[in-house]
Amino acid sequence: MYKLAFFVPVEDAEAVKEAVFATGAGRIGDYEACCFQTPGTGQFRPLEGADPHIGQVGDLEQVEELKVELACADELIQPAIAALKLAHPYEEPAYDVWQLADL
């Protein structure tokens, strides 16, 4: 089992979550589309060569985002990450993956 966490602009969160959930990620027992969301402010400065979805090259940008965390079965983590990258509006979405122990 894995835990997948990603950061996404608030206005894009539902579409990205649905793409990840469509892979089967976010399932816990007899429940699907399970996640936890935390609001926050993301910050970045696009460098030369970037094609930013938000902001301009060289300018520091701050965006209201959600951190979305969900469980993901071992066999679904690669498809879930692929769906995340495809659906996410950023060129380089920020995400974390942790392998969980079964105790």
C-alpha atoms as a PDB file:
ATOM      1  CA  MET A   1       0.000   0.000   0.000  1.00  0.00           C
ATOM      2  CA  TYR A   2       1.166   3.518  -0.769  1.00  0.00           C
ATOM      3  CA  LYS A   3       0.198   7.018   0.264  1.00  0.00           C
ATOM      4  CA  LEU A   4       0.129   9.546  -2.573  1.00  0.00           C
ATOM      5  CA  ALA A   5       0.088  13.266  -1.831  1.00  0.00           C
ATOM      6  CA  PHE A   6      -0.007  16.052  -4.413  1.00  0.00           C
ATOM      7  CA  PHE A   7      -0.454  19.794  -4.590  1.00  0.00           C
ATOM      8  CA  VAL A   8      -2.952  21.295  -7.046  1.00  0.00           C
ATOM      9  CA  PRO A   9      -4.571  24.722  -7.619  1.00  0.00           C
ATOM     10  CA  VAL A  10      -7.985  24.811  -5.942  1.00  0.00           C
ATOM     11  CA  GLU A  11      -9.834  25.368  -9.217  1.00  0.00           C
ATOM     12  CA  ASP A  12      -8.248  22.276 -10.802  1.00  0.00           C
ATOM     13  CA  ALA A  13      -8.501  19.954  -7.790  1.00  0.00           C
ATOM     14  CA  GLU A  14     -11.723  18.121  -8.660  1.00  0.00           C
ATOM     15  CA  ALA A  15     -10.630  17.235 -12.199  1.00  0.00           C
ATOM     16  CA  VAL A  16      -7.221  15.988 -11.033  1.00  0.00           C
ATOM     17  CA  LYS A  17      -8.723  13.982  -8.157  1.00  0.00           C
ATOM     18  CA  GLU A  18     -11.260  12.355 -10.492  1.00  0.00           C
ATOM     19  CA  ALA A  19      -8.474  11.336 -12.899  1.00  0.00           C
ATOM     20  CA  VAL A  20      -6.501   9.745 -10.054  1.00  0.00           C
ATOM     21  CA  PHE A  21      -9.612   8.083  -8.572  1.00  0.00           C
ATOM     22  CA  ALA A  22     -10.471   6.640 -12.018  1.00  0.00           C
ATOM     23  CA  THR A  23      -7.365   4.433 -11.697  1.00  0.00           C
ATOM     24  CA  GLY A  24      -8.779   2.854  -8.514  1.00  0.00           C
ATOM     25  CA  ALA A  25      -6.585   4.893  -6.180  1.00  0.00           C
ATOM     26  CA  GLY A  26      -8.250   6.321  -3.083  1.00  0.00           C
ATOM     27  CA  ARG A  27     -10.071   3.128  -2.174  1.00  0.00           C
ATOM     28  CA  ILE A  28     -10.224   2.008   1.457  1.00  0.00           C
ATOM     29  CA  GLY A  29     -12.240  -1.145   2.122  1.00  0.00           C
ATOM     30  CA  ASP A  30     -15.777  -0.629   0.805  1.00  0.00           C
ATOM     31  CA  TYR A  31     -15.227   3.091   0.155  1.00  0.00           C
ATOM     32  CA  GLU A  32     -13.874   4.827  -2.926  1.00  0.00           C
ATOM     33  CA  ALA A  33     -12.734   8.374  -3.755  1.00  0.00           C
ATOM     34  CA  CYS A  34     -11.268   8.680  -0.232  1.00  0.00           C
ATOM     35  CA  CYS A  35      -8.830  11.519   0.371  1.00  0.00           C
ATOM     36  CA  PHE A  36      -7.885  14.259   2.779  1.00  0.00           C
ATOM     37  CA  GLN A  37      -7.399  17.841   1.589  1.00  0.00           C
ATOM     38  CA  THR A  38      -5.509  20.663   3.247  1.00  0.00           C
ATOM     39  CA  PRO A  39      -5.600  24.221   1.874  1.00  0.00           C
ATOM     40  CA  GLY A  40      -2.395  26.220   1.608  1.00  0.00           C
ATOM     41  CA  THR A  41      -0.357  28.564  -0.535  1.00  0.00           C
ATOM     42  CA  GLY A  42       2.089  27.206  -3.085  1.00  0.00           C
ATOM     43  CA  GLN A  43       5.021  29.324  -4.264  1.00  0.00           C
ATOM     44  CA  PHE A  44       7.272  29.054  -7.316  1.00  0.00           C
ATOM     45  CA  ARG A  45       9.297  31.091  -9.786  1.00  0.00           C
ATOM     46  CA  PRO A  46       9.302  29.781 -13.378  1.00  0.00           C
ATOM     47  CA  LEU A  47      12.808  29.739 -14.880  1.00  0.00           C
ATOM     48  CA  GLU A  48      13.871  30.419 -18.449  1.00  0.00           C
ATOM     49  CA  GLY A  49      12.570  27.612 -20.672  1.00  0.00           C
ATOM     50  CA  ALA A  50       9.461  27.016 -18.539  1.00  0.00           C
ATOM     51  CA  ASP A  51       5.943  27.306 -19.953  1.00  0.00           C
ATOM     52  CA  PRO A  52       4.022  28.149 -16.774  1.00  0.00           C
ATOM     53  CA  HIS A  53       0.282  27.494 -16.477  1.00  0.00           C
ATOM     54  CA  ILE A  54       0.134  30.356 -13.967  1.00  0.00           C
ATOM     55  CA  GLY A  55       2.483  33.357 -13.771  1.00  0.00           C
ATOM     56  CA  GLN A  56       5.374  34.557 -15.903  1.00  0.00           C
ATOM     57  CA  VAL A  57       8.954  33.390 -16.346  1.00  0.00           C
ATOM     58  CA  GLY A  58      11.141  35.092 -13.742  1.00  0.00           C
ATOM     59  CA  ASP A  59       8.264  36.265 -11.531  1.00  0.00           C
ATOM     60  CA  LEU A  60       7.623  34.799  -8.080  1.00  0.00           C
ATOM     61  CA  GLU A  61       4.074  33.448  -7.970  1.00  0.00           C
ATOM     62  CA  GLN A  62       1.859  32.400  -5.057  1.00  0.00           C
ATOM     63  CA  VAL A  63      -1.192  30.214  -5.687  1.00  0.00           C
ATOM     64  CA  GLU A  64      -3.960  28.939  -3.423  1.00  0.00           C
ATOM     65  CA  GLU A  65      -3.631  25.168  -3.621  1.00  0.00           C
ATOM     66  CA  LEU A  66      -4.848  22.008  -1.966  1.00  0.00           C
ATOM     67  CA  LYS A  67      -2.626  19.234  -0.691  1.00  0.00           C
ATOM     68  CA  VAL A  68      -4.524  16.038  -1.498  1.00  0.00           C
ATOM     69  CA  GLU A  69      -3.537  12.801   0.259  1.00  0.00           C
ATOM     70  CA  LEU A  70      -4.883   9.338  -0.525  1.00  0.00           C
ATOM     71  CA  ALA A  71      -4.177   5.630  -0.163  1.00  0.00           C
ATOM     72  CA  CYS A  72      -3.229   3.610  -3.212  1.00  0.00           C
ATOM     73  CA  ALA A  73      -2.809  -0.138  -3.726  1.00  0.00           C
ATOM     74  CA  ASP A  74       0.638  -1.317  -4.847  1.00  0.00           C
ATOM     75  CA  GLU A  75      -0.473  -2.293  -8.344  1.00  0.00           C
ATOM     76  CA  LEU A  76      -2.202   1.071  -8.900  1.00  0.00           C
ATOM     77  CA  ILE A  77       0.532   3.530  -7.876  1.00  0.00           C
ATOM     78  CA  GLN A  78       2.142   3.814 -11.328  1.00  0.00           C
ATOM     79  CA  PRO A  79      -1.202   4.336 -13.155  1.00  0.00           C
ATOM     80  CA  ALA A  80      -2.269   6.818 -10.450  1.00  0.00           C
ATOM     81  CA  ILE A  81       0.924   8.880 -10.892  1.00  0.00           C
ATOM     82  CA  ALA A  82       0.545   8.767 -14.689  1.00  0.00           C
ATOM     83  CA  ALA A  83      -3.067   9.993 -14.398  1.00  0.00           C
ATOM     84  CA  LEU A  84      -1.990  12.732 -11.973  1.00  0.00           C
ATOM     85  CA  LYS A  85       0.670  13.998 -14.384  1.00  0.00           C
ATOM     86  CA  LEU A  86      -1.688  13.885 -17.366  1.00  0.00           C
ATOM     87  CA  ALA A  87      -4.573  15.692 -15.633  1.00  0.00           C
ATOM     88  CA  HIS A  88      -2.534  18.255 -13.672  1.00  0.00           C
ATOM     89  CA  PRO A  89      -2.291  21.745 -15.195  1.00  0.00           C
ATOM     90  CA  TYR A  90       1.349  22.295 -14.143  1.00  0.00           C
ATOM     91  CA  GLU A  91       4.312  21.226 -16.297  1.00  0.00           C
ATOM     92  CA  GLU A  92       5.963  19.749 -13.195  1.00  0.00           C
ATOM     93  CA  PRO A  93       3.360  18.771 -10.582  1.00  0.00           C
ATOM     94  CA  ALA A  94       4.695  18.371  -7.047  1.00  0.00           C
ATOM     95  CA  TYR A  95       3.842  15.040  -5.446  1.00  0.00           C
ATOM     96  CA  ASP A  96       5.113  12.609  -2.818  1.00  0.00           C
ATOM     97  CA  VAL A  97       4.805   8.822  -2.591  1.00  0.00           C
ATOM     98  CA  TRP A  98       5.341   6.834   0.606  1.00  0.00           C
ATOM     99  CA  GLN A  99       5.287   3.061   0.887  1.00  0.00           C
ATOM    100  CA  LEU A 100       3.242   2.112   3.938  1.00  0.00           C
ATOM    101  CA  ALA A 101       3.886  -0.737   6.355  1.00  0.00           C
ATOM    102  CA  ASP A 102       1.112  -3.250   7.026  1.00  0.00           C
ATOM    103  CA  LEU A 103       1.158  -3.755  10.799  1.00  0.00           C
END
